[in-house]
Amino acid sequence: MLVVLILAAAALGGTVYWWLDAPLRLSAPTVDLSIEPGTSPRALAQDVQDAGVDVNPYFLYAWFRFSGQARGIKAGSYELDASLTPRRLLNKLVRGEEALRAVTLVEGWNWRQVRATLARADQLRGDTRELSDEAIMRLLERPGVAPEGRFFPDTYTYSKGSTDLAVLRRALRAMDKKLAAAWDARADQLPLKSPDEVLTLASIVEKETGRGSDRPLIASVFINRLRSGMLLQTDPTVIYGMGERFDGNLRKRDLQTDTPWNTYTRAGLPPTPIAMPGRAALLAAVQPANSKSLYFVARGDGSSQFSSTLDEHNRAVNQYQRRP
């Protein structure tokens, strides 16, 4: 009888060992499992079966308890595939290996582009999709603040089923930190009265060039113009003020048509940023190059030619913009 019991125990142990490493059948190539905070191991075992995994929930619950790791299981959204075994399942849940997606907000994008990108993001719940800009900013605890430029351009990962509002909140906090750091690092005697003005100037710098070495020089042009009372006369602000009316071709009449963002018709900085500036543009706005330049023109290779007088600028325009 003792021999029989030993053999039976060995057989049972072998069966359990085999079961722990045997792939589980799924109802689809991949199935999603969402674990809410506070879910008990017994309820979780049933949730696994309900999600589409062919497993006995009583056996799975026993494995969770026997392992001693049941309390280490983390809430979240998980993606289960055909390689799943009971042992791998528990390891995944204890490690918190959630099914993550990513969305990238690009330097220089405007708010319309941000909203459109979030609306297309994979497995991201669109809680803000039907909301106005004002309603979104209220939910983000920034009532009365325009959303333009307030979100830091970066790649944000999220678990399946997360909300676009959660991504926006992270991007907003990231910009808050970057802007505060830039404000603390600002040069002396800048004609910028607040972090908001830094953000607005940085957004213009971001739109004017993608060349890192030119950013501090371009920022110096606008700083010098603000100091001397000159109009900023920067095309990206005009384009921004035109909104969806801009067809890719900026005409003379567009420069003469007044909008709150037209820096050809209005003095000083525009009322809001015109895009999302990156860290380099923020630093350029608060640490501009030490120059006397008041003008710049694109050379056609991504760089700019800087001038301190109108005569020099006109010659540069003739050389780089009006050549045959």
Protein backbone atom coordinates (compact mmCIF):
# COMPACT_ATOMS: atom_id res chain seq x y z
CA MET A 1 0.00 0.00 0.00
CA LEU A 2 2.86 2.36 0.83
CA VAL A 3 4.44 1.71 -2.55
CA VAL A 4 1.12 2.38 -4.26
CA LEU A 5 0.74 5.66 -2.41
CA ILE A 6 4.27 6.71 -3.30
CA LEU A 7 3.71 5.87 -6.95
CA ALA A 8 0.40 7.73 -6.95
CA ALA A 9 1.99 10.81 -5.36
CA ALA A 10 4.82 10.70 -7.89
CA ALA A 11 2.33 10.42 -10.74
CA LEU A 12 0.30 13.31 -9.36
CA GLY A 13 3.44 15.40 -8.91
CA GLY A 14 4.52 14.65 -12.45
CA THR A 15 1.09 15.55 -13.77
CA VAL A 16 1.11 18.86 -11.90
CA TYR A 17 4.64 19.62 -13.09
CA TRP A 18 3.61 18.85 -16.67
CA TRP A 19 0.48 20.99 -16.34
CA LEU A 20 2.41 24.01 -15.06
CA ASP A 21 4.52 24.08 -18.24
CA ALA A 22 1.92 22.95 -20.77
CA PRO A 23 0.66 25.66 -23.16
CA LEU A 24 -2.92 26.65 -22.51
CA ARG A 25 -5.38 26.82 -25.39
CA LEU A 26 -6.82 30.25 -26.19
CA SER A 27 -10.06 31.20 -27.90
CA ALA A 28 -8.05 33.53 -30.23
CA PRO A 29 -4.38 34.07 -31.15
CA THR A 30 -4.23 36.61 -28.33
CA VAL A 31 -6.70 37.42 -25.57
CA ASP A 32 -6.89 40.42 -23.28
CA LEU A 33 -7.03 40.10 -19.52
CA SER A 34 -7.88 43.10 -17.36
CA ILE A 35 -7.25 42.84 -13.62
CA GLU A 36 -8.93 45.43 -11.47
CA PRO A 37 -7.29 46.52 -8.19
CA GLY A 38 -8.45 44.37 -5.29
CA THR A 39 -9.33 41.30 -7.39
CA SER A 40 -8.99 38.14 -5.28
CA PRO A 41 -6.91 35.16 -6.57
CA ARG A 42 -10.09 33.05 -6.81
CA ALA A 43 -11.90 35.71 -8.86
CA LEU A 44 -8.81 36.22 -10.99
CA ALA A 45 -8.65 32.53 -11.86
CA GLN A 46 -12.25 32.76 -13.09
CA ASP A 47 -11.45 35.98 -15.00
CA VAL A 48 -8.68 34.16 -16.85
CA GLN A 49 -11.11 31.50 -18.04
CA ASP A 50 -13.73 34.14 -18.92
CA ALA A 51 -11.15 36.04 -20.98
CA GLY A 52 -10.84 33.07 -23.33
CA VAL A 53 -8.22 30.79 -21.77
CA ASP A 54 -9.11 27.09 -21.69
CA VAL A 55 -8.15 26.38 -18.08
CA ASN A 56 -9.85 24.97 -15.01
CA PRO A 57 -10.20 27.97 -12.68
CA TYR A 58 -10.05 25.73 -9.58
CA PHE A 59 -6.68 24.29 -10.64
CA LEU A 60 -5.43 27.78 -11.53
CA TYR A 61 -6.54 29.18 -8.18
CA ALA A 62 -4.80 26.30 -6.39
CA TRP A 63 -1.61 27.07 -8.31
CA PHE A 64 -1.80 30.77 -7.37
CA ARG A 65 -2.18 29.84 -3.70
CA PHE A 66 0.41 27.02 -3.70
CA SER A 67 3.05 29.24 -5.34
CA GLY A 68 2.97 31.68 -2.44
CA GLN A 69 2.93 34.58 -4.93
CA ALA A 70 -0.80 35.25 -5.13
CA ARG A 71 -0.51 38.49 -3.18
CA GLY A 72 2.15 39.75 -5.59
CA ILE A 73 -0.17 39.73 -8.61
CA LYS A 74 -0.48 43.26 -10.02
CA ALA A 75 -3.57 44.90 -11.43
CA GLY A 76 -3.40 46.02 -15.05
CA SER A 77 -4.11 45.14 -18.66
CA TYR A 78 -2.39 42.04 -20.01
CA GLU A 79 -2.14 40.44 -23.43
CA LEU A 80 -1.98 36.64 -23.37
CA ASP A 81 -0.67 34.64 -26.34
CA ALA A 82 -0.22 31.03 -27.43
CA SER A 83 3.01 30.60 -25.46
CA LEU A 84 1.04 30.92 -22.22
CA THR A 85 1.46 28.26 -19.54
CA PRO A 86 0.20 28.43 -15.95
CA ARG A 87 3.75 29.10 -14.75
CA ARG A 88 4.36 31.85 -17.32
CA LEU A 89 0.98 33.36 -16.61
CA LEU A 90 1.76 33.76 -12.91
CA ASN A 91 5.22 35.16 -13.66
CA LYS A 92 3.71 37.71 -16.05
CA LEU A 93 1.11 38.84 -13.52
CA VAL A 94 3.58 39.08 -10.63
CA ARG A 95 6.07 41.05 -12.71
CA GLY A 96 3.33 43.35 -13.97
CA GLU A 97 4.23 42.77 -17.62
CA GLU A 98 1.31 44.71 -19.01
CA ALA A 99 0.44 44.99 -22.67
CA LEU A 100 1.84 48.42 -23.44
CA ARG A 101 1.25 50.65 -26.43
CA ALA A 102 2.97 53.92 -27.28
CA VAL A 103 1.98 57.24 -28.79
CA THR A 104 4.43 59.90 -29.95
CA LEU A 105 3.78 63.64 -29.77
CA VAL A 106 6.21 65.36 -32.12
CA GLU A 107 8.09 68.61 -31.53
CA GLY A 108 6.45 71.41 -33.47
CA TRP A 109 3.00 69.84 -33.64
CA ASN A 110 0.00 71.99 -32.88
CA TRP A 111 -2.97 71.06 -30.71
CA ARG A 112 -5.09 69.87 -33.64
CA GLN A 113 -2.39 67.37 -34.54
CA VAL A 114 -2.15 66.19 -30.94
CA ARG A 115 -5.88 65.51 -30.72
CA ALA A 116 -5.93 63.74 -34.08
CA THR A 117 -3.00 61.52 -33.06
CA LEU A 118 -4.57 60.57 -29.74
CA ALA A 119 -7.82 59.75 -31.53
CA ARG A 120 -5.94 57.26 -33.75
CA ALA A 121 -3.78 55.75 -31.01
CA ASP A 122 -4.06 51.98 -30.66
CA GLN A 123 -6.13 50.75 -27.72
CA LEU A 124 -6.33 54.24 -26.18
CA ARG A 125 -9.78 55.11 -24.86
CA GLY A 126 -10.95 58.42 -26.29
CA ASP A 127 -12.56 60.03 -23.26
CA THR A 128 -11.85 63.53 -24.62
CA ARG A 129 -12.89 62.85 -28.19
CA GLU A 130 -16.23 64.65 -27.93
CA LEU A 131 -15.08 67.34 -25.51
CA SER A 132 -14.25 70.95 -26.28
CA ASP A 133 -10.76 72.31 -25.67
CA GLU A 134 -12.11 74.26 -22.70
CA ALA A 135 -13.68 71.15 -21.17
CA ILE A 136 -10.45 69.19 -21.56
CA MET A 137 -8.42 71.87 -19.82
CA ARG A 138 -10.96 71.98 -16.98
CA LEU A 139 -10.55 68.24 -16.48
CA LEU A 140 -6.79 68.80 -16.41
CA GLU A 141 -7.32 71.46 -13.72
CA ARG A 142 -6.21 74.31 -15.99
CA PRO A 143 -9.48 76.17 -16.57
CA GLY A 144 -9.16 79.17 -18.85
CA VAL A 145 -5.75 78.08 -20.18
CA ALA A 146 -5.38 77.49 -23.92
CA PRO A 147 -4.10 73.96 -24.65
CA GLU A 148 -1.72 75.00 -27.41
CA GLY A 149 1.90 74.24 -26.56
CA ARG A 150 1.11 73.00 -23.05
CA PHE A 151 2.05 69.36 -23.63
CA PHE A 152 5.62 68.15 -23.86
CA PRO A 153 6.51 66.36 -27.11
CA ASP A 154 7.72 62.85 -26.31
CA THR A 155 6.81 59.18 -26.64
CA TYR A 156 4.34 58.03 -23.99
CA THR A 157 3.62 54.39 -23.22
CA TYR A 158 0.30 53.27 -21.82
CA SER A 159 -1.54 50.06 -21.04
CA LYS A 160 -4.39 48.90 -23.22
CA GLY A 161 -7.59 50.62 -22.23
CA SER A 162 -5.90 53.68 -20.76
CA THR A 163 -7.50 57.04 -21.51
CA ASP A 164 -6.27 59.84 -23.71
CA LEU A 165 -6.84 62.16 -20.76
CA ALA A 166 -4.25 60.21 -18.74
CA VAL A 167 -1.70 60.64 -21.55
CA LEU A 168 -2.46 64.35 -21.76
CA ARG A 169 -2.06 64.71 -18.00
CA ARG A 170 1.41 63.12 -18.17
CA ALA A 171 2.42 65.32 -21.10
CA LEU A 172 1.12 68.42 -19.32
CA ARG A 173 3.12 67.63 -16.19
CA ALA A 174 6.21 66.93 -18.27
CA MET A 175 5.94 70.35 -19.93
CA ASP A 176 5.40 71.99 -16.55
CA LYS A 177 8.69 70.52 -15.33
CA LYS A 178 10.65 71.37 -18.48
CA LEU A 179 9.28 74.91 -18.55
CA ALA A 180 10.03 75.48 -14.86
CA ALA A 181 13.60 74.26 -15.39
CA ALA A 182 14.02 76.59 -18.37
CA TRP A 183 12.63 79.55 -16.43
CA ASP A 184 15.06 78.88 -13.58
CA ALA A 185 17.95 78.75 -16.06
CA ARG A 186 17.03 81.98 -17.89
CA ALA A 187 19.69 84.56 -18.70
CA ASP A 188 19.63 87.95 -17.00
CA GLN A 189 17.65 90.87 -18.37
CA LEU A 190 15.54 88.95 -20.86
CA PRO A 191 12.44 90.86 -22.07
CA LEU A 192 10.30 87.86 -21.06
CA LYS A 193 8.07 88.44 -18.07
CA SER A 194 6.81 84.94 -17.31
CA PRO A 195 7.22 81.24 -18.09
CA ASP A 196 4.20 81.56 -20.39
CA GLU A 197 6.09 84.07 -22.53
CA VAL A 198 9.06 81.70 -22.62
CA LEU A 199 6.75 78.93 -23.83
CA THR A 200 5.33 81.15 -26.57
CA LEU A 201 8.74 82.29 -27.80
CA ALA A 202 10.07 78.72 -27.68
CA SER A 203 7.17 77.56 -29.83
CA ILE A 204 8.11 80.13 -32.48
CA VAL A 205 11.75 79.07 -32.36
CA GLU A 206 10.64 75.45 -32.73
CA LYS A 207 8.65 76.25 -35.87
CA GLU A 208 11.34 78.43 -37.42
CA THR A 209 14.09 75.79 -37.58
CA GLY A 210 14.85 72.17 -36.97
CA ARG A 211 18.59 72.81 -36.83
CA GLY A 212 19.86 72.73 -33.28
CA SER A 213 22.79 75.08 -33.85
CA ASP A 214 20.49 77.78 -35.24
CA ARG A 215 17.96 77.81 -32.41
CA PRO A 216 19.88 80.09 -30.01
CA LEU A 217 20.60 82.51 -32.87
CA ILE A 218 16.98 82.59 -33.99
CA ALA A 219 15.92 83.15 -30.39
CA SER A 220 18.40 86.06 -30.20
CA VAL A 221 16.79 87.69 -33.24
CA PHE A 222 13.38 87.70 -31.56
CA ILE A 223 14.82 88.78 -28.21
CA ASN A 224 16.63 91.67 -29.93
CA ARG A 225 13.42 92.65 -31.70
CA LEU A 226 11.41 92.57 -28.49
CA ARG A 227 14.03 94.78 -26.81
CA SER A 228 13.99 97.32 -29.63
CA GLY A 229 10.21 97.37 -30.06
CA MET A 230 10.32 95.91 -33.59
CA LEU A 231 7.58 93.64 -34.90
CA LEU A 232 8.56 89.99 -34.73
CA GLN A 233 7.33 89.37 -38.30
CA THR A 234 7.59 85.60 -38.18
CA ASP A 235 5.68 83.59 -40.79
CA PRO A 236 4.76 80.59 -38.57
CA THR A 237 2.59 82.83 -36.39
CA VAL A 238 0.69 84.03 -39.44
CA ILE A 239 0.20 80.45 -40.60
CA TYR A 240 -1.03 79.45 -37.18
CA GLY A 241 -3.53 82.30 -37.13
CA MET A 242 -4.89 81.17 -40.51
CA GLY A 243 -5.68 77.74 -39.10
CA GLU A 244 -7.12 75.29 -41.59
CA ARG A 245 -7.36 78.05 -44.22
CA PHE A 246 -3.62 77.71 -44.85
CA ASP A 247 -3.09 75.76 -48.08
CA GLY A 248 0.70 75.57 -47.97
CA ASN A 249 1.26 78.85 -49.81
CA LEU A 250 1.75 82.01 -47.74
CA ARG A 251 0.77 85.10 -49.73
CA LYS A 252 1.36 88.83 -49.21
CA ARG A 253 -2.30 89.36 -48.40
CA ASP A 254 -2.02 86.75 -45.65
CA LEU A 255 0.77 88.77 -44.03
CA GLN A 256 -1.47 91.83 -44.13
CA THR A 257 -4.61 90.12 -42.79
CA ASP A 258 -4.84 90.73 -39.08
CA THR A 259 -5.35 87.91 -36.58
CA PRO A 260 -4.35 87.76 -32.91
CA TRP A 261 -1.31 85.72 -33.99
CA ASN A 262 -0.18 87.85 -36.92
CA THR A 263 3.16 89.27 -35.81
CA TYR A 264 3.31 91.41 -38.97
CA THR A 265 0.29 93.39 -37.82
CA ARG A 266 0.60 93.13 -34.01
CA ALA A 267 3.50 93.98 -31.74
CA GLY A 268 5.04 91.65 -29.19
CA LEU A 269 4.47 87.96 -28.68
CA PRO A 270 1.23 86.31 -29.83
CA PRO A 271 -1.39 85.52 -27.18
CA THR A 272 -0.60 81.78 -27.01
CA PRO A 273 2.11 79.39 -28.18
CA ILE A 274 1.74 78.16 -31.73
CA ALA A 275 3.08 74.62 -31.25
CA MET A 276 4.74 72.25 -28.79
CA PRO A 277 8.38 73.22 -28.26
CA GLY A 278 10.96 70.65 -27.31
CA ARG A 279 13.61 71.01 -24.63
CA ALA A 280 16.19 72.54 -27.01
CA ALA A 281 13.78 75.28 -28.12
CA LEU A 282 12.87 76.04 -24.49
CA LEU A 283 16.54 76.43 -23.59
CA ALA A 284 17.21 78.58 -26.65
CA ALA A 285 14.40 80.93 -25.62
CA VAL A 286 15.92 81.51 -22.17
CA GLN A 287 19.57 81.31 -23.21
CA PRO A 288 19.69 83.01 -26.62
CA ALA A 289 22.97 83.56 -28.42
CA ASN A 290 24.78 86.80 -27.70
CA SER A 291 24.29 88.51 -31.05
CA LYS A 292 23.10 91.76 -32.60
CA SER A 293 21.13 90.01 -35.33
CA LEU A 294 17.71 91.38 -36.18
CA TYR A 295 17.01 89.35 -39.31
CA PHE A 296 17.46 85.87 -40.72
CA VAL A 297 16.65 84.11 -43.97
CA ALA A 298 16.64 80.44 -44.89
CA ARG A 299 19.61 79.34 -46.96
CA GLY A 300 17.72 76.46 -48.51
CA ASP A 301 19.73 73.72 -46.82
CA GLY A 302 17.97 73.84 -43.46
CA SER A 303 20.26 76.53 -42.04
CA SER A 304 19.74 80.30 -41.81
CA GLN A 305 21.74 83.40 -42.67
CA PHE A 306 21.69 86.03 -39.91
CA SER A 307 22.03 89.79 -40.36
CA SER A 308 22.20 92.77 -38.03
CA THR A 309 21.14 95.43 -40.57
CA LEU A 310 18.39 95.64 -43.16
CA ASP A 311 20.92 96.12 -45.97
CA GLU A 312 22.72 92.92 -45.00
CA HIS A 313 19.40 91.11 -44.80
CA ASN A 314 18.30 92.30 -48.24
CA ARG A 315 21.56 91.07 -49.74
CA ALA A 316 21.05 87.71 -48.03
CA VAL A 317 17.49 87.50 -49.37
CA ASN A 318 18.76 88.23 -52.90
CA GLN A 319 21.45 85.59 -52.53
CA TYR A 320 19.42 82.77 -51.02
CA GLN A 321 15.80 83.47 -51.97
CA ARG A 322 15.87 85.29 -55.29
CA ARG A 323 18.64 83.49 -57.12
CA PRO A 324 17.66 82.14 -60.55
